[in-house]
């Protein structure tokens, strides 16, 4: 084939325009409503998912109840990662989550955390009755499944009546952790995944002392990018995301 000078210039221009057009194309995106306990795990999962799929994940973290309410109000999420099964089930019944997409992606684990430089001598839940433990941070049980499980664990230990006046409630499980980070609490009951590498004293609770925290996901019926939503769900359920959750301290099937 012979290329004439004018044709070569035109061909080069065509390639340049095609390249510019491709570069200008917006990157595929998936918007994910994520329960606050996942904050640390998603810092690992997000970049790897994007590198593997070319899909940019955008995470919005809050308590499960708050996110469910936002979905009911029409928030533009593609995927809901809850900290329980019930909120996803409720949204399925309301036609807001695709029924076939509902699945448990992990089982949560609670930890009793004494922040670095905090009160020494706490080795078990019963030690929280000590007078030097003045403030215990917990997520609001009516908003956060981890908060409800934490209160159940305190009651199971038989110390709820003695320590109830010490408890302060945070809007979600990550904010409960922040009480400890900022030294506003002597002890924190939070997600193990949030404090596994935080230093201080981390006591992983036996899952048998509270109701199971079966964390469920669902794809929104009105998802703006359902294909990307399905890829992300699959990534958590069967791909590298599942392995990352296990490394973060979640129990995965």
Protein backbone atom coordinates (compact mmCIF):
# COMPACT_ATOMS: atom_id res chain seq x y z
CA UNK A 1 0.00 0.00 0.00
CA UNK A 2 1.25 3.45 -0.91
CA UNK A 3 0.69 6.34 1.49
CA UNK A 4 0.70 9.77 -0.08
CA UNK A 5 1.86 12.70 2.08
CA UNK A 6 -1.64 14.09 2.44
CA UNK A 7 -3.00 10.68 3.34
CA UNK A 8 -0.26 10.16 5.93
CA UNK A 9 -1.07 13.50 7.57
CA UNK A 10 -4.75 12.63 7.59
CA UNK A 11 -4.04 9.19 9.04
CA UNK A 12 -1.87 10.68 11.79
CA UNK A 13 -4.60 13.17 12.60
CA UNK A 14 -7.16 10.36 12.75
CA UNK A 15 -4.98 8.39 15.20
CA UNK A 16 -4.46 11.50 17.32
CA UNK A 17 -8.18 12.21 17.45
CA UNK A 18 -8.98 8.59 18.29
CA UNK A 19 -6.41 8.60 21.10
CA UNK A 20 -7.72 11.89 22.48
CA UNK A 21 -11.28 10.59 22.31
CA UNK A 22 -10.32 7.42 24.21
CA UNK A 23 -8.47 9.44 26.82
CA UNK A 24 -11.49 11.69 27.26
CA UNK A 25 -13.83 8.76 27.91
CA UNK A 26 -14.89 8.72 31.58
CA UNK A 27 -13.56 5.78 33.56
CA UNK A 28 -16.16 3.17 34.49
CA UNK A 29 -17.25 3.67 38.09
CA UNK A 30 -19.15 1.73 40.74
CA UNK A 31 -20.62 3.53 43.77
CA UNK A 32 -20.70 1.44 46.94
CA UNK A 33 -22.51 2.08 50.22
CA UNK A 34 -20.28 0.37 52.79
CA UNK A 35 -20.87 -0.29 56.47
CA UNK A 36 -18.30 1.59 58.55
CA UNK A 37 -16.58 -1.57 59.82
CA UNK A 38 -15.20 -2.09 56.30
CA UNK A 39 -13.20 1.16 56.24
CA UNK A 40 -9.77 -0.43 56.63
CA UNK A 41 -10.43 -3.50 54.48
CA UNK A 42 -11.68 -1.42 51.55
CA UNK A 43 -8.45 0.59 51.53
CA UNK A 44 -6.80 -2.61 50.33
CA UNK A 45 -9.64 -3.96 48.22
CA UNK A 46 -10.42 -0.76 46.28
CA UNK A 47 -7.08 -0.17 44.50
CA UNK A 48 -6.61 -3.86 43.64
CA UNK A 49 -10.15 -4.13 42.25
CA UNK A 50 -9.54 -1.07 40.08
CA UNK A 51 -6.20 -2.40 38.84
CA UNK A 52 -7.75 -5.76 37.95
CA UNK A 53 -10.95 -4.50 36.33
CA UNK A 54 -10.41 -0.89 35.28
CA UNK A 55 -13.51 0.04 37.29
CA UNK A 56 -13.07 2.86 39.80
CA UNK A 57 -14.83 2.11 43.12
CA UNK A 58 -16.29 5.02 45.08
CA UNK A 59 -17.07 4.18 48.71
CA UNK A 60 -19.49 5.92 51.04
CA UNK A 61 -19.15 4.68 54.64
CA UNK A 62 -21.68 5.06 57.46
CA UNK A 63 -23.70 2.88 59.79
CA UNK A 64 -25.80 0.18 58.14
CA UNK A 65 -29.08 1.78 59.22
CA UNK A 66 -28.04 5.21 57.92
CA UNK A 67 -27.01 3.78 54.54
CA UNK A 68 -30.26 1.82 54.25
CA UNK A 69 -32.19 5.02 54.90
CA UNK A 70 -30.16 6.85 52.24
CA UNK A 71 -31.01 4.09 49.75
CA UNK A 72 -34.70 4.48 50.56
CA UNK A 73 -34.36 8.21 49.92
CA UNK A 74 -32.88 7.53 46.48
CA UNK A 75 -29.11 7.80 47.03
CA UNK A 76 -27.33 6.82 43.78
CA UNK A 77 -25.53 3.69 44.99
CA UNK A 78 -24.85 0.59 42.91
CA UNK A 79 -23.98 -1.85 45.71
CA UNK A 80 -24.90 -2.01 49.40
CA UNK A 81 -22.42 -3.69 51.77
CA UNK A 82 -24.31 -4.01 55.04
CA UNK A 83 -23.11 -5.24 58.42
CA UNK A 84 -26.12 -7.52 58.79
CA UNK A 85 -28.67 -9.47 56.76
CA UNK A 86 -31.86 -7.78 57.92
CA UNK A 87 -31.35 -4.36 56.34
CA UNK A 88 -30.63 -5.91 52.95
CA UNK A 89 -33.66 -8.20 53.32
CA UNK A 90 -35.87 -5.21 54.11
CA UNK A 91 -34.68 -3.41 50.98
CA UNK A 92 -35.34 -6.52 48.91
CA UNK A 93 -38.91 -6.59 50.22
CA UNK A 94 -39.29 -2.92 49.24
CA UNK A 95 -38.07 -3.61 45.72
CA UNK A 96 -34.89 -1.55 46.14
CA UNK A 97 -32.40 -4.45 46.02
CA UNK A 98 -32.32 -7.15 43.33
CA UNK A 99 -33.52 -10.30 45.15
CA UNK A 100 -31.09 -12.63 43.39
CA UNK A 101 -28.09 -10.47 44.30
CA UNK A 102 -28.44 -10.82 48.06
CA UNK A 103 -25.57 -12.80 49.62
CA UNK A 104 -23.52 -13.02 52.82
CA UNK A 105 -19.96 -11.94 52.05
CA UNK A 106 -18.39 -12.17 55.53
CA UNK A 107 -19.01 -12.78 59.21
CA UNK A 108 -17.86 -9.97 61.45
CA UNK A 109 -15.71 -10.27 64.57
CA UNK A 110 -15.78 -7.91 67.56
CA UNK A 111 -12.74 -6.84 69.54
CA UNK A 112 -12.27 -5.15 72.88
CA UNK A 113 -9.59 -2.54 72.25
CA UNK A 114 -7.53 -0.67 74.83
CA UNK A 115 -5.72 2.08 72.88
CA UNK A 116 -1.92 2.50 73.09
CA UNK A 117 -0.93 4.20 76.32
CA UNK A 118 -4.27 3.26 77.84
CA UNK A 119 -5.15 1.55 81.08
CA UNK A 120 -3.07 -1.59 81.69
CA UNK A 121 -4.43 -4.79 83.14
CA UNK A 122 -7.48 -5.31 80.92
CA UNK A 123 -7.30 -8.92 79.77
CA UNK A 124 -10.98 -9.84 79.45
CA UNK A 125 -14.42 -8.25 79.31
CA UNK A 126 -14.97 -8.57 83.05
CA UNK A 127 -12.02 -6.23 83.69
CA UNK A 128 -14.10 -3.33 82.33
CA UNK A 129 -15.77 -2.98 85.73
CA UNK A 130 -12.49 -1.65 87.18
CA UNK A 131 -12.85 1.97 88.39
CA UNK A 132 -9.90 3.14 86.26
CA UNK A 133 -11.95 2.28 83.14
CA UNK A 134 -14.16 5.35 83.05
CA UNK A 135 -15.40 5.52 79.43
CA UNK A 136 -16.29 2.65 77.09
CA UNK A 137 -17.11 3.50 73.47
CA UNK A 138 -19.70 1.48 71.54
CA UNK A 139 -21.58 2.13 68.29
CA UNK A 140 -25.27 2.94 68.68
CA UNK A 141 -27.01 -0.46 68.72
CA UNK A 142 -30.07 0.92 66.93
CA UNK A 143 -27.91 2.05 63.99
CA UNK A 144 -25.00 -0.38 63.86
CA UNK A 145 -25.19 -4.20 64.01
CA UNK A 146 -21.74 -4.23 65.62
CA UNK A 147 -23.07 -1.94 68.33
CA UNK A 148 -25.98 -4.29 69.01
CA UNK A 149 -23.59 -7.24 69.13
CA UNK A 150 -21.24 -5.36 71.48
CA UNK A 151 -24.06 -4.66 73.94
CA UNK A 152 -25.09 -8.32 73.72
CA UNK A 153 -21.50 -9.36 74.51
CA UNK A 154 -21.41 -7.07 77.56
CA UNK A 155 -24.67 -8.55 78.79
CA UNK A 156 -23.39 -12.07 78.11
CA UNK A 157 -20.36 -11.31 80.28
CA UNK A 158 -22.74 -10.39 83.11
CA UNK A 159 -21.32 -6.87 83.56
CA UNK A 160 -23.86 -4.68 81.74
CA UNK A 161 -25.45 -3.29 84.91
CA UNK A 162 -22.04 -2.38 86.36
CA UNK A 163 -20.67 -0.65 83.26
CA UNK A 164 -23.76 0.78 81.56
CA UNK A 165 -23.15 4.25 82.99
CA UNK A 166 -19.63 4.25 81.46
CA UNK A 167 -20.83 3.61 77.92
CA UNK A 168 -20.78 6.38 75.30
CA UNK A 169 -22.41 5.80 71.93
CA UNK A 170 -20.96 6.67 68.52
CA UNK A 171 -22.87 7.01 65.24
CA UNK A 172 -21.03 4.03 63.74
CA UNK A 173 -18.36 1.49 64.59
CA UNK A 174 -15.51 3.47 63.01
CA UNK A 175 -16.46 6.56 65.02
CA UNK A 176 -16.43 4.39 68.16
CA UNK A 177 -12.84 3.52 67.27
CA UNK A 178 -12.08 7.23 66.91
CA UNK A 179 -13.03 7.75 70.55
CA UNK A 180 -10.09 5.53 71.41
CA UNK A 181 -7.74 7.08 68.87
CA UNK A 182 -8.43 10.54 70.34
CA UNK A 183 -8.10 9.22 73.92
CA UNK A 184 -11.72 10.07 74.69
CA UNK A 185 -12.41 6.47 75.73
CA UNK A 186 -10.45 4.05 77.89
CA UNK A 187 -11.89 1.02 76.11
CA UNK A 188 -13.64 0.47 72.80
CA UNK A 189 -15.82 -2.35 71.54
CA UNK A 190 -15.43 -2.25 67.78
CA UNK A 191 -14.81 -4.35 64.69
CA UNK A 192 -11.67 -6.45 64.98
CA UNK A 193 -10.82 -5.48 61.39
CA UNK A 194 -10.55 -1.81 62.42
CA UNK A 195 -8.06 -2.34 65.27
CA UNK A 196 -6.18 -5.53 64.42
CA UNK A 197 -3.04 -3.50 63.69
CA UNK A 198 -3.79 -0.46 65.83
CA UNK A 199 -1.47 -1.27 68.71
CA UNK A 200 -2.48 -1.23 72.35
CA UNK A 201 -4.36 -4.26 73.65
CA UNK A 202 -6.64 -6.04 71.20
CA UNK A 203 -8.83 -8.82 72.59
CA UNK A 204 -10.72 -10.71 69.91
CA UNK A 205 -14.07 -11.81 71.33
CA UNK A 206 -15.44 -15.30 70.98
CA UNK A 207 -18.25 -15.05 68.36
CA UNK A 208 -20.36 -17.21 70.64
CA UNK A 209 -20.88 -14.37 73.15
CA UNK A 210 -23.11 -12.38 70.78
CA UNK A 211 -25.49 -13.03 67.87
CA UNK A 212 -23.63 -13.73 64.61
CA UNK A 213 -22.74 -10.69 62.51
CA UNK A 214 -23.56 -12.03 59.06
CA UNK A 215 -22.66 -9.23 56.67
CA UNK A 216 -24.78 -9.20 53.54
CA UNK A 217 -24.54 -7.39 50.22
CA UNK A 218 -27.02 -6.54 47.52
CA UNK A 219 -27.10 -4.80 44.14
CA UNK A 220 -29.53 -1.92 43.90
CA UNK A 221 -32.48 -2.39 41.57
CA UNK A 222 -31.83 1.09 40.15
CA UNK A 223 -28.03 0.72 39.97
CA UNK A 224 -26.52 3.16 37.50
CA UNK A 225 -23.84 0.66 36.52
CA UNK A 226 -25.26 -2.84 37.14
CA UNK A 227 -22.48 -4.61 35.23
CA UNK A 228 -19.80 -2.99 37.40
CA UNK A 229 -21.90 -3.70 40.49
CA UNK A 230 -22.03 -7.40 39.64
CA UNK A 231 -18.27 -7.47 39.09
CA UNK A 232 -17.63 -5.91 42.48
CA UNK A 233 -20.03 -8.29 44.23
CA UNK A 234 -18.35 -11.26 42.56
CA UNK A 235 -14.94 -9.87 43.55
CA UNK A 236 -15.95 -9.87 47.22
CA UNK A 237 -17.73 -13.21 47.16
CA UNK A 238 -15.27 -15.27 45.15
CA UNK A 239 -12.29 -13.16 44.08
CA UNK A 240 -9.35 -11.37 45.65
CA UNK A 241 -11.73 -9.29 47.76
CA UNK A 242 -12.69 -12.40 49.70
CA UNK A 243 -9.03 -13.09 50.49
CA UNK A 244 -8.53 -9.48 51.57
CA UNK A 245 -11.48 -9.72 53.95
CA UNK A 246 -9.97 -12.83 55.50
CA UNK A 247 -6.63 -11.06 55.96
CA UNK A 248 -8.46 -8.18 57.64
CA UNK A 249 -9.90 -10.52 60.26
CA UNK A 250 -13.33 -11.36 58.89
CA UNK A 251 -14.62 -14.91 58.77
CA UNK A 252 -15.35 -15.88 55.17
CA UNK A 253 -16.99 -19.01 53.87
